[in-house]
Amino acid sequence: MAITVNLYYAGENGAARAFAEEMEASGTAAAIRAEAGNVRYRYFQPLDDPETVLLIDAWEDQAAIDAHHASPMMAKVAELRDKYDLHMTAERYVADEDGFSAHDQSFIRS
């Protein structure tokens, strides 16, 4: 049962993007991607909101998320979040074990 958390980091004057860039440049994002159970850890920026960055953070299960939250990486994330004075909102999704229906699949171009 994969779990995906969409985290929206919002700041001012380009702070959210600078945060994501530092997460990548410092190797912190790569270290998180290497953690056991990580499925996806990628930053995106909405075209209509240059002051927000979206992190799509996906894990194999709740145990993997719990281990990540207990890891030293979380202290680094919190340190950078505070450095850039970011505020967050979050959405949590659990994967549908049945996947896409045949009808829905017809709308997806691979």
Protein backbone atom coordinates (compact mmCIF):
# COMPACT_ATOMS: atom_id res chain seq x y z
CA MET A 1 0.00 0.00 0.00
CA ALA A 2 1.98 3.01 -1.24
CA ILE A 3 1.36 6.32 0.50
CA THR A 4 1.92 9.65 -1.22
CA VAL A 5 2.09 12.96 0.58
CA ASN A 6 1.90 16.19 -1.40
CA LEU A 7 3.63 18.93 0.57
CA TYR A 8 3.18 22.52 -0.55
CA TYR A 9 5.98 24.79 0.68
CA ALA A 10 5.04 28.47 0.48
CA GLY A 11 7.24 31.48 1.12
CA GLU A 12 8.10 34.90 -0.21
CA ASN A 13 10.60 36.31 -2.70
CA GLY A 14 11.57 32.97 -4.18
CA ALA A 15 12.23 31.30 -0.82
CA ALA A 16 10.37 28.07 -1.65
CA ARG A 17 12.35 27.54 -4.83
CA ALA A 18 15.62 28.39 -3.05
CA PHE A 19 14.72 25.79 -0.39
CA ALA A 20 14.12 23.08 -3.02
CA GLU A 21 17.33 24.01 -4.84
CA GLU A 22 19.32 23.78 -1.60
CA MET A 23 17.69 20.43 -0.77
CA GLU A 24 18.95 19.15 -4.13
CA ALA A 25 22.38 20.85 -4.11
CA SER A 26 23.18 19.77 -0.54
CA GLY A 27 22.47 16.11 -1.30
CA THR A 28 19.68 15.98 1.26
CA ALA A 29 17.04 15.11 -1.34
CA ALA A 30 19.28 12.37 -2.78
CA ALA A 31 19.84 10.95 0.71
CA ILE A 32 16.08 10.84 1.29
CA ARG A 33 15.55 9.12 -2.06
CA ALA A 34 18.08 6.47 -0.95
CA GLU A 35 16.19 5.70 2.27
CA ALA A 36 14.54 2.28 2.48
CA GLY A 37 10.94 2.41 1.30
CA ASN A 38 11.15 5.68 -0.63
CA VAL A 39 9.25 5.51 -3.90
CA ARG A 40 9.40 9.14 -5.03
CA TYR A 41 10.79 12.43 -3.78
CA ARG A 42 10.47 15.20 -6.38
CA TYR A 43 9.95 18.93 -6.34
CA PHE A 44 7.69 20.82 -8.76
CA GLN A 45 6.63 24.43 -9.11
CA PRO A 46 3.08 25.39 -10.09
CA LEU A 47 2.96 27.58 -13.20
CA ASP A 48 0.43 29.88 -11.56
CA ASP A 49 2.20 30.29 -8.20
CA PRO A 50 5.94 31.12 -8.24
CA GLU A 51 6.01 31.38 -4.43
CA THR A 52 5.03 27.73 -3.86
CA VAL A 53 6.91 24.50 -4.45
CA LEU A 54 5.20 21.11 -4.42
CA LEU A 55 7.03 18.09 -3.06
CA ILE A 56 5.59 14.72 -4.09
CA ASP A 57 6.84 12.39 -1.37
CA ALA A 58 5.85 8.72 -1.78
CA TRP A 59 6.67 5.72 0.43
CA GLU A 60 6.00 1.99 0.31
CA ASP A 61 4.05 2.03 3.57
CA GLN A 62 3.52 3.80 6.89
CA ALA A 63 6.52 2.03 8.46
CA ALA A 64 8.79 3.59 5.82
CA ILE A 65 7.35 7.05 6.54
CA ASP A 66 7.81 6.53 10.27
CA ALA A 67 11.45 5.50 9.75
CA HIS A 68 12.01 8.57 7.55
CA HIS A 69 10.46 10.85 10.17
CA ALA A 70 12.85 9.39 12.78
CA SER A 71 15.90 9.83 10.51
CA PRO A 72 18.51 12.61 10.68
CA MET A 73 17.18 13.86 7.33
CA MET A 74 14.13 15.35 9.04
CA ALA A 75 16.31 17.65 11.14
CA LYS A 76 17.98 18.94 7.97
CA VAL A 77 14.60 19.47 6.28
CA ALA A 78 13.31 21.39 9.32
CA GLU A 79 16.51 23.47 9.46
CA LEU A 80 16.16 24.51 5.82
CA ARG A 81 12.42 25.08 6.12
CA ASP A 82 13.11 27.47 9.02
CA LYS A 83 16.02 29.11 7.18
CA TYR A 84 13.67 30.03 4.31
CA ASP A 85 10.68 30.78 6.61
CA LEU A 86 8.38 28.41 4.73
CA HIS A 87 4.86 27.39 5.66
CA MET A 88 3.33 24.11 4.58
CA THR A 89 0.06 22.47 3.70
CA ALA A 90 -0.22 18.75 3.04
CA GLU A 91 -2.43 16.20 1.31
CA ARG A 92 -2.13 12.44 1.91
CA TYR A 93 -3.15 9.73 -0.57
CA VAL A 94 -3.16 5.94 -0.31
CA ALA A 95 -2.68 4.02 -3.56
CA ASP A 96 -5.65 2.20 -5.00
CA GLU A 97 -4.50 -1.42 -5.00
CA ASP A 98 -6.71 -2.14 -8.04
CA GLY A 99 -4.98 0.49 -10.17
CA PHE A 100 -6.68 2.28 -13.04
CA SER A 101 -9.84 0.87 -14.55
CA ALA A 102 -9.75 -0.05 -18.25
CA HIS A 103 -11.90 3.02 -18.94
CA ASP A 104 -9.53 5.36 -17.09
CA GLN A 105 -6.52 3.69 -18.70
CA SER A 106 -7.88 4.66 -22.13
CA PHE A 107 -7.18 8.33 -21.25
CA ILE A 108 -3.53 7.74 -20.35
CA ARG A 109 -0.97 8.02 -23.09
CA SER A 110 2.26 6.15 -22.38
